[in-house]
Amino acid sequence: MKPRATDSTHYASDRPGREAGLSHDDHQAVRLWLRLLTCSTQIEQTIRSHLQAQFGTTLSRFDYMAQLSRFPEGLRMKTLSEYLMVTGGNVTGLTDQLVAEGWVERVVDEGDRRSMFVRLTASGQQQFDRMATEHERWLEQLFAPLGGTHAKALYDQLGELRRVLDQPSETRD
């Protein structure tokens, strides 16, 4: 008998493309990792879709603007690429696009005239604020069915996982 879709222990693996091919005989660690990856991917796809539909933008551009919004004085492009964990070429391409739209500006570093900072313009900050407000609302809608208690417990468990993962690998073996 096939489990019902409401049975949370089977739900994701019963749908094609979601943790496909896993059975309960597979190792728990593999199943857990794939479940985390699947959830993360589904959330990311939802956010990407909303950003495109409502703002005509991409998650990459949103993440870029989010980093700059945390640093109103601006960031060097190298630092921005490190924060975004992308190549300098990717940051240059995004910068060119956002400068052309008037949302980002390049500013010469007065301490080193060979170096540039990038920062949000007033218009870029306003646009980002609108996107960030909606982004938070979308996430609240996604997680609302969990309820506050379950969402908090999941957050705490994932925090514990991060703490474990941050330990040097030799202490986890």
C-alpha atoms as a PDB file:
ATOM      1  CA  MET A   1       0.000   0.000   0.000  1.00  0.00           C
ATOM      2  CA  LYS A   2       1.396   3.379  -0.991  1.00  0.00           C
ATOM      3  CA  PRO A   3       1.654   5.895   1.903  1.00  0.00           C
ATOM      4  CA  ARG A   4      -0.694   8.858   1.831  1.00  0.00           C
ATOM      5  CA  ALA A   5       0.722  12.216   0.723  1.00  0.00           C
ATOM      6  CA  THR A   6      -0.016  13.590   4.181  1.00  0.00           C
ATOM      7  CA  ASP A   7       2.357  11.095   5.812  1.00  0.00           C
ATOM      8  CA  SER A   8       5.357  13.391   6.367  1.00  0.00           C
ATOM      9  CA  THR A   9       7.807  10.488   6.580  1.00  0.00           C
ATOM     10  CA  HIS A  10       7.036   9.490   2.997  1.00  0.00           C
ATOM     11  CA  TYR A  11       5.672  12.589   1.291  1.00  0.00           C
ATOM     12  CA  ALA A  12       8.745  13.984  -0.469  1.00  0.00           C
ATOM     13  CA  SER A  13      10.079  10.636  -1.631  1.00  0.00           C
ATOM     14  CA  ASP A  14       6.698   9.691  -3.142  1.00  0.00           C
ATOM     15  CA  ARG A  15       6.844  12.558  -5.640  1.00  0.00           C
ATOM     16  CA  PRO A  16       9.026  12.237  -8.739  1.00  0.00           C
ATOM     17  CA  GLY A  17      12.048  14.509  -8.657  1.00  0.00           C
ATOM     18  CA  ARG A  18      11.952  14.875  -4.874  1.00  0.00           C
ATOM     19  CA  GLU A  19      14.556  12.731  -3.157  1.00  0.00           C
ATOM     20  CA  ALA A  20      13.936  10.224  -5.952  1.00  0.00           C
ATOM     21  CA  GLY A  21      14.934   6.634  -5.460  1.00  0.00           C
ATOM     22  CA  LEU A  22      15.376   6.717  -1.705  1.00  0.00           C
ATOM     23  CA  SER A  23      13.977   3.983   0.442  1.00  0.00           C
ATOM     24  CA  HIS A  24      13.861   3.541   4.175  1.00  0.00           C
ATOM     25  CA  ASP A  25      16.707   1.063   3.805  1.00  0.00           C
ATOM     26  CA  ASP A  26      19.070   3.872   2.762  1.00  0.00           C
ATOM     27  CA  HIS A  27      21.347   5.334   5.375  1.00  0.00           C
ATOM     28  CA  GLN A  28      19.751   7.946   7.615  1.00  0.00           C
ATOM     29  CA  ALA A  29      22.543  10.457   6.991  1.00  0.00           C
ATOM     30  CA  VAL A  30      22.047  10.264   3.221  1.00  0.00           C
ATOM     31  CA  ARG A  31      18.282  10.622   3.577  1.00  0.00           C
ATOM     32  CA  LEU A  32      18.682  13.592   5.920  1.00  0.00           C
ATOM     33  CA  TRP A  33      21.157  15.349   3.634  1.00  0.00           C
ATOM     34  CA  LEU A  34      18.913  14.846   0.608  1.00  0.00           C
ATOM     35  CA  ARG A  35      15.855  16.054   2.540  1.00  0.00           C
ATOM     36  CA  LEU A  36      17.704  19.247   3.551  1.00  0.00           C
ATOM     37  CA  LEU A  37      18.902  19.771  -0.008  1.00  0.00           C
ATOM     38  CA  THR A  38      15.420  19.202  -1.431  1.00  0.00           C
ATOM     39  CA  CYS A  39      13.813  21.648   1.004  1.00  0.00           C
ATOM     40  CA  SER A  40      16.456  24.274   0.314  1.00  0.00           C
ATOM     41  CA  THR A  41      16.050  23.859  -3.439  1.00  0.00           C
ATOM     42  CA  GLN A  42      12.258  24.103  -3.247  1.00  0.00           C
ATOM     43  CA  ILE A  43      12.433  27.278  -1.154  1.00  0.00           C
ATOM     44  CA  GLU A  44      14.994  28.806  -3.507  1.00  0.00           C
ATOM     45  CA  GLN A  45      12.875  27.984  -6.565  1.00  0.00           C
ATOM     46  CA  THR A  46       9.831  29.601  -4.955  1.00  0.00           C
ATOM     47  CA  ILE A  47      11.743  32.776  -4.106  1.00  0.00           C
ATOM     48  CA  ARG A  48      13.295  32.924  -7.593  1.00  0.00           C
ATOM     49  CA  SER A  49       9.870  32.627  -9.161  1.00  0.00           C
ATOM     50  CA  HIS A  50       8.368  35.364  -6.980  1.00  0.00           C
ATOM     51  CA  LEU A  51      11.302  37.739  -7.585  1.00  0.00           C
ATOM     52  CA  GLN A  52      10.991  37.272 -11.335  1.00  0.00           C
ATOM     53  CA  ALA A  53       7.197  37.581 -11.403  1.00  0.00           C
ATOM     54  CA  GLN A  54       6.863  40.561  -9.083  1.00  0.00           C
ATOM     55  CA  PHE A  55      10.081  42.511  -9.665  1.00  0.00           C
ATOM     56  CA  GLY A  56      11.494  41.195 -12.945  1.00  0.00           C
ATOM     57  CA  THR A  57      14.747  40.382 -11.212  1.00  0.00           C
ATOM     58  CA  THR A  58      16.865  37.403 -10.238  1.00  0.00           C
ATOM     59  CA  LEU A  59      17.902  35.920  -6.917  1.00  0.00           C
ATOM     60  CA  SER A  60      21.526  36.781  -7.755  1.00  0.00           C
ATOM     61  CA  ARG A  61      20.672  40.454  -8.133  1.00  0.00           C
ATOM     62  CA  PHE A  62      18.604  40.373  -4.936  1.00  0.00           C
ATOM     63  CA  ASP A  63      21.482  38.756  -2.996  1.00  0.00           C
ATOM     64  CA  TYR A  64      23.923  41.319  -4.426  1.00  0.00           C
ATOM     65  CA  MET A  65      21.705  44.199  -3.329  1.00  0.00           C
ATOM     66  CA  ALA A  66      21.143  42.570   0.078  1.00  0.00           C
ATOM     67  CA  GLN A  67      24.886  42.543   0.718  1.00  0.00           C
ATOM     68  CA  LEU A  68      25.245  46.183  -0.287  1.00  0.00           C
ATOM     69  CA  SER A  69      22.276  47.190   1.869  1.00  0.00           C
ATOM     70  CA  ARG A  70      24.217  45.914   4.903  1.00  0.00           C
ATOM     71  CA  PHE A  71      27.123  48.207   4.051  1.00  0.00           C
ATOM     72  CA  PRO A  72      25.779  51.674   3.143  1.00  0.00           C
ATOM     73  CA  GLU A  73      29.327  53.014   2.733  1.00  0.00           C
ATOM     74  CA  GLY A  74      29.873  50.387   0.037  1.00  0.00           C
ATOM     75  CA  LEU A  75      32.101  47.390  -0.514  1.00  0.00           C
ATOM     76  CA  ARG A  76      35.088  46.661  -2.686  1.00  0.00           C
ATOM     77  CA  MET A  77      34.121  44.345  -5.521  1.00  0.00           C
ATOM     78  CA  LYS A  78      36.552  41.670  -4.262  1.00  0.00           C
ATOM     79  CA  THR A  79      34.922  41.720  -0.827  1.00  0.00           C
ATOM     80  CA  LEU A  80      31.462  41.596  -2.387  1.00  0.00           C
ATOM     81  CA  SER A  81      32.419  38.561  -4.475  1.00  0.00           C
ATOM     82  CA  GLU A  82      33.715  36.833  -1.314  1.00  0.00           C
ATOM     83  CA  TYR A  83      30.474  37.547   0.560  1.00  0.00           C
ATOM     84  CA  LEU A  84      28.414  36.303  -2.369  1.00  0.00           C
ATOM     85  CA  MET A  85      30.759  33.329  -2.927  1.00  0.00           C
ATOM     86  CA  VAL A  86      30.923  34.004  -6.668  1.00  0.00           C
ATOM     87  CA  THR A  87      33.687  34.954  -9.051  1.00  0.00           C
ATOM     88  CA  GLY A  88      34.806  38.522  -9.643  1.00  0.00           C
ATOM     89  CA  GLY A  89      33.489  38.211 -13.201  1.00  0.00           C
ATOM     90  CA  ASN A  90      29.993  37.477 -11.900  1.00  0.00           C
ATOM     91  CA  VAL A  91      30.127  40.509  -9.622  1.00  0.00           C
ATOM     92  CA  THR A  92      31.353  42.706 -12.469  1.00  0.00           C
ATOM     93  CA  GLY A  93      28.470  41.578 -14.679  1.00  0.00           C
ATOM     94  CA  LEU A  94      25.879  42.209 -11.959  1.00  0.00           C
ATOM     95  CA  THR A  95      27.467  45.559 -11.157  1.00  0.00           C
ATOM     96  CA  ASP A  96      27.311  46.652 -14.796  1.00  0.00           C
ATOM     97  CA  GLN A  97      23.611  45.730 -14.980  1.00  0.00           C
ATOM     98  CA  LEU A  98      22.685  47.442 -11.713  1.00  0.00           C
ATOM     99  CA  VAL A  99      24.702  50.567 -12.523  1.00  0.00           C
ATOM    100  CA  ALA A 100      22.860  50.796 -15.864  1.00  0.00           C
ATOM    101  CA  GLU A 101      19.543  50.643 -13.993  1.00  0.00           C
ATOM    102  CA  GLY A 102      20.646  53.342 -11.560  1.00  0.00           C
ATOM    103  CA  TRP A 103      20.484  51.084  -8.499  1.00  0.00           C
ATOM    104  CA  VAL A 104      24.231  50.817  -7.841  1.00  0.00           C
ATOM    105  CA  GLU A 105      27.090  53.254  -8.236  1.00  0.00           C
ATOM    106  CA  ARG A 106      30.840  52.843  -8.431  1.00  0.00           C
ATOM    107  CA  VAL A 107      32.779  55.169  -6.148  1.00  0.00           C
ATOM    108  CA  VAL A 108      36.535  55.763  -6.228  1.00  0.00           C
ATOM    109  CA  ASP A 109      38.284  54.842  -2.966  1.00  0.00           C
ATOM    110  CA  GLU A 110      39.856  58.103  -1.788  1.00  0.00           C
ATOM    111  CA  GLY A 111      42.494  56.100   0.121  1.00  0.00           C
ATOM    112  CA  ASP A 112      43.541  54.175  -2.984  1.00  0.00           C
ATOM    113  CA  ARG A 113      42.454  55.859  -6.205  1.00  0.00           C
ATOM    114  CA  ARG A 114      43.097  52.615  -8.141  1.00  0.00           C
ATOM    115  CA  SER A 115      40.348  50.890  -6.163  1.00  0.00           C
ATOM    116  CA  MET A 116      36.572  51.204  -6.387  1.00  0.00           C
ATOM    117  CA  PHE A 117      33.711  50.676  -4.018  1.00  0.00           C
ATOM    118  CA  VAL A 118      30.201  49.804  -5.093  1.00  0.00           C
ATOM    119  CA  ARG A 119      27.157  50.908  -3.140  1.00  0.00           C
ATOM    120  CA  LEU A 120      23.416  51.184  -3.541  1.00  0.00           C
ATOM    121  CA  THR A 121      22.032  54.449  -4.807  1.00  0.00           C
ATOM    122  CA  ALA A 122      19.031  55.962  -3.000  1.00  0.00           C
ATOM    123  CA  SER A 123      16.849  54.507  -5.747  1.00  0.00           C
ATOM    124  CA  GLY A 124      18.543  51.110  -5.395  1.00  0.00           C
ATOM    125  CA  GLN A 125      17.998  51.127  -1.638  1.00  0.00           C
ATOM    126  CA  GLN A 126      14.307  51.931  -2.116  1.00  0.00           C
ATOM    127  CA  GLN A 127      13.945  49.127  -4.672  1.00  0.00           C
ATOM    128  CA  PHE A 128      15.787  46.684  -2.419  1.00  0.00           C
ATOM    129  CA  ASP A 129      13.615  47.659   0.572  1.00  0.00           C
ATOM    130  CA  ARG A 130      10.488  46.828  -1.465  1.00  0.00           C
ATOM    131  CA  MET A 131      11.943  43.486  -2.540  1.00  0.00           C
ATOM    132  CA  ALA A 132      13.149  42.634   0.970  1.00  0.00           C
ATOM    133  CA  THR A 133       9.714  43.311   2.456  1.00  0.00           C
ATOM    134  CA  GLU A 134       8.092  40.959  -0.053  1.00  0.00           C
ATOM    135  CA  HIS A 135      10.897  38.394   0.351  1.00  0.00           C
ATOM    136  CA  GLU A 136      10.206  38.221   4.080  1.00  0.00           C
ATOM    137  CA  ARG A 137       6.458  37.920   3.462  1.00  0.00           C
ATOM    138  CA  TRP A 138       7.016  35.030   1.030  1.00  0.00           C
ATOM    139  CA  LEU A 139       9.172  33.211   3.576  1.00  0.00           C
ATOM    140  CA  GLU A 140       6.582  33.765   6.297  1.00  0.00           C
ATOM    141  CA  GLN A 141       3.942  32.259   4.004  1.00  0.00           C
ATOM    142  CA  LEU A 142       6.156  29.272   3.212  1.00  0.00           C
ATOM    143  CA  PHE A 143       6.857  28.486   6.860  1.00  0.00           C
ATOM    144  CA  ALA A 144       3.468  29.422   8.352  1.00  0.00           C
ATOM    145  CA  PRO A 145       2.006  25.900   7.972  1.00  0.00           C
ATOM    146  CA  LEU A 146       4.699  24.606  10.338  1.00  0.00           C
ATOM    147  CA  GLY A 147       3.363  26.744  13.152  1.00  0.00           C
ATOM    148  CA  GLY A 148       5.515  28.817  15.460  1.00  0.00           C
ATOM    149  CA  THR A 149       6.528  25.999  17.801  1.00  0.00           C
ATOM    150  CA  HIS A 150       7.654  23.643  15.020  1.00  0.00           C
ATOM    151  CA  ALA A 151       9.409  26.442  13.120  1.00  0.00           C
ATOM    152  CA  LYS A 152      11.332  27.432  16.272  1.00  0.00           C
ATOM    153  CA  ALA A 153      12.259  23.801  16.986  1.00  0.00           C
ATOM    154  CA  LEU A 154      13.478  23.328  13.404  1.00  0.00           C
ATOM    155  CA  TYR A 155      15.474  26.564  13.620  1.00  0.00           C
ATOM    156  CA  ASP A 156      17.073  25.391  16.883  1.00  0.00           C
ATOM    157  CA  GLN A 157      17.886  21.957  15.435  1.00  0.00           C
ATOM    158  CA  LEU A 158      19.467  23.482  12.353  1.00  0.00           C
ATOM    159  CA  GLY A 159      21.457  25.788  14.626  1.00  0.00           C
ATOM    160  CA  GLU A 160      22.743  22.746  16.464  1.00  0.00           C
ATOM    161  CA  LEU A 161      23.645  21.146  13.132  1.00  0.00           C
ATOM    162  CA  ARG A 162      25.599  24.283  12.164  1.00  0.00           C
ATOM    163  CA  ARG A 163      27.426  24.190  15.503  1.00  0.00           C
ATOM    164  CA  VAL A 164      28.410  20.552  14.891  1.00  0.00           C
ATOM    165  CA  LEU A 165      29.456  21.258  11.308  1.00  0.00           C
ATOM    166  CA  ASP A 166      31.581  24.231  12.407  1.00  0.00           C
ATOM    167  CA  GLN A 167      33.701  21.964  14.605  1.00  0.00           C
ATOM    168  CA  PRO A 168      36.968  20.771  13.107  1.00  0.00           C
ATOM    169  CA  SER A 169      36.386  17.508  11.209  1.00  0.00           C
ATOM    170  CA  GLU A 170      38.742  15.511  13.454  1.00  0.00           C
ATOM    171  CA  THR A 171      36.477  16.153  16.475  1.00  0.00           C
ATOM    172  CA  ARG A 172      33.462  14.773  14.559  1.00  0.00           C
ATOM    173  CA  ASP A 173      35.083  11.475  13.545  1.00  0.00           C
END
